[in-house]
N, C-alpha and C. Protein backbone atom coordinates (compact mmCIF):
# COMPACT_ATOMS: atom_id res chain seq x y z
N UNK A 1 0.82 -1.21 0.00
CA UNK A 1 0.00 0.00 0.00
C UNK A 1 0.86 1.27 0.00
N UNK A 2 2.12 1.12 0.39
CA UNK A 2 3.01 2.27 0.43
C UNK A 2 3.22 2.85 -0.96
N UNK A 3 3.29 1.99 -1.97
CA UNK A 3 3.47 2.47 -3.34
C UNK A 3 2.28 3.32 -3.78
N UNK A 4 1.08 2.93 -3.39
CA UNK A 4 -0.11 3.71 -3.71
C UNK A 4 -0.07 5.09 -3.08
N UNK A 5 0.44 5.15 -1.84
CA UNK A 5 0.56 6.44 -1.16
C UNK A 5 1.61 7.31 -1.83
N UNK A 6 2.72 6.69 -2.25
CA UNK A 6 3.77 7.44 -2.92
C UNK A 6 3.24 8.00 -4.23
N UNK A 7 2.52 7.18 -5.00
CA UNK A 7 1.96 7.66 -6.27
C UNK A 7 0.94 8.76 -6.03
N UNK A 8 0.12 8.61 -5.01
CA UNK A 8 -0.89 9.63 -4.69
C UNK A 8 -0.21 10.92 -4.25
N UNK A 9 0.85 10.80 -3.45
CA UNK A 9 1.59 11.99 -3.01
C UNK A 9 2.24 12.69 -4.20
N UNK A 10 2.82 11.90 -5.10
CA UNK A 10 3.46 12.48 -6.28
C UNK A 10 2.42 13.18 -7.16
N UNK A 11 1.28 12.54 -7.35
CA UNK A 11 0.21 13.13 -8.14
C UNK A 11 -0.26 14.44 -7.51
N UNK A 12 -0.44 14.44 -6.19
CA UNK A 12 -0.87 15.65 -5.49
C UNK A 12 0.14 16.78 -5.69
N UNK A 13 1.44 16.45 -5.62
CA UNK A 13 2.48 17.46 -5.81
C UNK A 13 2.44 18.03 -7.23
N UNK A 14 2.23 17.15 -8.22
CA UNK A 14 2.10 17.64 -9.59
C UNK A 14 0.92 18.59 -9.72
N UNK A 15 -0.20 18.20 -9.17
CA UNK A 15 -1.42 19.03 -9.24
C UNK A 15 -1.19 20.38 -8.56
N UNK A 16 -0.56 20.37 -7.40
CA UNK A 16 -0.29 21.61 -6.68
C UNK A 16 0.66 22.51 -7.46
N UNK A 17 1.67 21.92 -8.10
CA UNK A 17 2.59 22.72 -8.93
C UNK A 17 1.84 23.35 -10.09
N UNK A 18 0.99 22.57 -10.73
CA UNK A 18 0.20 23.10 -11.85
C UNK A 18 -0.69 24.24 -11.39
N UNK A 19 -1.33 24.06 -10.25
CA UNK A 19 -2.20 25.11 -9.72
C UNK A 19 -1.42 26.40 -9.44
N UNK A 20 -0.22 26.27 -8.87
CA UNK A 20 0.60 27.46 -8.60
C UNK A 20 0.99 28.14 -9.90
N UNK A 21 1.38 27.34 -10.89
CA UNK A 21 1.77 27.91 -12.18
C UNK A 21 0.59 28.59 -12.87
N UNK A 22 -0.60 28.00 -12.76
CA UNK A 22 -1.80 28.61 -13.34
C UNK A 22 -2.08 29.96 -12.68
N UNK A 23 -1.88 30.04 -11.38
CA UNK A 23 -2.07 31.32 -10.67
C UNK A 23 -1.06 32.35 -11.15
N UNK A 24 0.21 31.93 -11.30
CA UNK A 24 1.23 32.85 -11.79
C UNK A 24 0.91 33.31 -13.20
N UNK A 25 0.44 32.37 -14.03
CA UNK A 25 0.08 32.70 -15.40
C UNK A 25 -1.04 33.72 -15.43
N UNK A 26 -2.04 33.57 -14.55
CA UNK A 26 -3.14 34.52 -14.48
C UNK A 26 -2.63 35.89 -14.07
N UNK A 27 -1.71 35.92 -13.11
CA UNK A 27 -1.13 37.18 -12.67
C UNK A 27 -0.38 37.88 -13.79
N UNK A 28 0.37 37.11 -14.55
CA UNK A 28 1.12 37.68 -15.67
C UNK A 28 0.16 38.19 -16.75
N UNK A 29 -0.89 37.42 -17.02
CA UNK A 29 -1.88 37.84 -18.01
C UNK A 29 -2.54 39.15 -17.58
N UNK A 30 -2.81 39.29 -16.30
CA UNK A 30 -3.39 40.54 -15.78
C UNK A 30 -2.40 41.70 -15.96
N UNK A 31 -1.11 41.43 -15.74
CA UNK A 31 -0.10 42.47 -15.92
C UNK A 31 -0.02 42.90 -17.38
N UNK A 32 -0.06 41.94 -18.29
CA UNK A 32 -0.01 42.26 -19.72
C UNK A 32 -1.23 43.10 -20.10
N UNK A 33 -2.39 42.74 -19.59
CA UNK A 33 -3.62 43.49 -19.85
C UNK A 33 -3.47 44.93 -19.36
N UNK A 34 -2.86 45.10 -18.20
CA UNK A 34 -2.64 46.44 -17.66
C UNK A 34 -1.70 47.27 -18.55
N UNK A 35 -0.67 46.63 -19.09
CA UNK A 35 0.26 47.34 -19.97
C UNK A 35 -0.45 47.78 -21.24
N UNK A 36 -1.27 46.90 -21.81
CA UNK A 36 -2.04 47.30 -23.01
C UNK A 36 -2.99 48.44 -22.68
N UNK A 37 -3.62 48.41 -21.54
CA UNK A 37 -4.53 49.49 -21.14
C UNK A 37 -3.77 50.80 -20.98
N UNK A 38 -2.58 50.73 -20.41
CA UNK A 38 -1.76 51.94 -20.26
C UNK A 38 -1.35 52.48 -21.62
N UNK A 39 -0.95 51.57 -22.52
CA UNK A 39 -0.56 52.01 -23.87
C UNK A 39 -1.74 52.66 -24.58
N UNK A 40 -2.92 52.06 -24.42
CA UNK A 40 -4.12 52.62 -25.05
C UNK A 40 -4.43 54.01 -24.51
N UNK A 41 -4.26 54.18 -23.21
CA UNK A 41 -4.53 55.50 -22.61
C UNK A 41 -3.51 56.54 -23.08
N UNK A 42 -2.39 56.09 -23.61
CA UNK A 42 -1.38 57.00 -24.16
C UNK A 42 -1.52 57.17 -25.67
N UNK A 43 -2.63 56.66 -26.23
CA UNK A 43 -2.92 56.88 -27.63
C UNK A 43 -2.46 55.81 -28.59
N UNK A 44 -1.91 54.71 -28.10
CA UNK A 44 -1.46 53.63 -28.98
C UNK A 44 -2.61 52.70 -29.33
N UNK A 45 -2.56 52.15 -30.54
CA UNK A 45 -3.56 51.19 -30.99
C UNK A 45 -3.14 49.79 -30.52
N UNK A 46 -3.90 49.24 -29.59
CA UNK A 46 -3.50 47.97 -28.99
C UNK A 46 -3.65 46.80 -29.95
N UNK A 47 -4.58 46.89 -30.88
CA UNK A 47 -4.72 45.81 -31.87
C UNK A 47 -3.45 45.70 -32.70
N UNK A 48 -2.91 46.84 -33.11
CA UNK A 48 -1.67 46.85 -33.88
C UNK A 48 -0.50 46.39 -33.01
N UNK A 49 -0.49 46.81 -31.77
CA UNK A 49 0.58 46.37 -30.86
C UNK A 49 0.56 44.85 -30.69
N UNK A 50 -0.63 44.27 -30.55
CA UNK A 50 -0.75 42.82 -30.42
C UNK A 50 -0.23 42.12 -31.68
N UNK A 51 -0.52 42.71 -32.84
CA UNK A 51 -0.04 42.13 -34.09
C UNK A 51 1.49 42.17 -34.13
N UNK A 52 2.08 43.27 -33.69
CA UNK A 52 3.54 43.39 -33.66
C UNK A 52 4.14 42.37 -32.71
N UNK A 53 3.56 42.22 -31.54
CA UNK A 53 4.05 41.23 -30.57
C UNK A 53 3.99 39.84 -31.18
N UNK A 54 2.89 39.53 -31.86
CA UNK A 54 2.73 38.23 -32.50
C UNK A 54 3.80 38.03 -33.59
N UNK A 55 4.06 39.07 -34.37
CA UNK A 55 5.07 38.98 -35.42
C UNK A 55 6.47 38.79 -34.83
N UNK A 56 6.76 39.49 -33.77
CA UNK A 56 8.09 39.38 -33.16
C UNK A 56 8.34 38.01 -32.55
N UNK A 57 7.26 37.31 -32.17
CA UNK A 57 7.40 35.95 -31.64
C UNK A 57 7.76 34.95 -32.73
N UNK A 58 7.39 35.27 -33.96
CA UNK A 58 7.62 34.36 -35.08
C UNK A 58 9.09 34.37 -35.48
N UNK A 59 9.55 33.24 -35.99
CA UNK A 59 10.90 33.20 -36.55
C UNK A 59 10.89 33.96 -37.87
N UNK A 60 12.05 34.46 -38.24
CA UNK A 60 12.17 35.32 -39.41
C UNK A 60 11.60 34.67 -40.67
N UNK A 61 11.95 33.42 -40.92
CA UNK A 61 11.48 32.78 -42.15
C UNK A 61 9.96 32.58 -42.13
N UNK A 62 9.40 32.30 -40.97
CA UNK A 62 7.94 32.13 -40.86
C UNK A 62 7.24 33.46 -41.09
N UNK A 63 7.83 34.54 -40.58
CA UNK A 63 7.26 35.87 -40.76
C UNK A 63 7.32 36.27 -42.24
N UNK A 64 8.44 35.98 -42.89
CA UNK A 64 8.58 36.30 -44.32
C UNK A 64 7.58 35.51 -45.16
N UNK A 65 7.39 34.24 -44.80
CA UNK A 65 6.43 33.41 -45.51
C UNK A 65 5.01 33.95 -45.34
N UNK A 66 4.66 34.34 -44.12
CA UNK A 66 3.33 34.88 -43.86
C UNK A 66 3.13 36.20 -44.61
N UNK A 67 4.16 37.05 -44.63
CA UNK A 67 4.08 38.32 -45.36
C UNK A 67 3.87 38.08 -46.86
N UNK A 68 4.61 37.12 -47.41
CA UNK A 68 4.50 36.81 -48.84
C UNK A 68 3.10 36.29 -49.17
N UNK A 69 2.58 35.44 -48.32
CA UNK A 69 1.25 34.89 -48.54
C UNK A 69 0.18 35.98 -48.44
N UNK A 70 0.32 36.86 -47.46
CA UNK A 70 -0.61 37.97 -47.32
C UNK A 70 -0.57 38.86 -48.56
N UNK A 71 0.63 39.15 -49.05
CA UNK A 71 0.78 39.99 -50.24
C UNK A 71 0.14 39.31 -51.45
N UNK A 72 0.32 38.00 -51.58
CA UNK A 72 -0.29 37.25 -52.68
C UNK A 72 -1.82 37.36 -52.62
N UNK A 73 -2.38 37.17 -51.46
CA UNK A 73 -3.84 37.26 -51.29
C UNK A 73 -4.34 38.68 -51.55
N UNK A 74 -3.59 39.68 -51.06
CA UNK A 74 -4.00 41.08 -51.30
C UNK A 74 -4.00 41.39 -52.78
N UNK A 75 -2.97 40.93 -53.48
CA UNK A 75 -2.90 41.16 -54.93
C UNK A 75 -4.06 40.47 -55.64
N UNK A 76 -4.37 39.25 -55.23
CA UNK A 76 -5.45 38.50 -55.87
C UNK A 76 -6.79 39.18 -55.68
N UNK A 77 -6.95 39.88 -54.57
CA UNK A 77 -8.21 40.55 -54.28
C UNK A 77 -8.19 42.03 -54.68
N UNK A 78 -7.10 42.47 -55.27
CA UNK A 78 -7.01 43.86 -55.71
C UNK A 78 -6.85 44.85 -54.57
N UNK A 79 -6.27 44.42 -53.49
CA UNK A 79 -6.09 45.30 -52.33
C UNK A 79 -4.70 45.91 -52.26
N UNK A 80 -3.86 45.61 -53.21
CA UNK A 80 -2.47 46.09 -53.16
C UNK A 80 -2.35 47.52 -53.63
């Protein structure tokens, strides 16, 4: 029965770690939301800022591929 207790204790520790990390993640998400709100109050467009953040997360080749595809679609629709 000791093995069952060890497994249960290990499982409980994993769950508790996940719960702590989820709380930290929520706190960070709230901080990010506050920064966007501050930027908006200073006249910045947060939708554009989010797009820039998303682009900066991408690797260079993936960003270039996405840009090329967007340009192709814009040209096809006469938006260029």
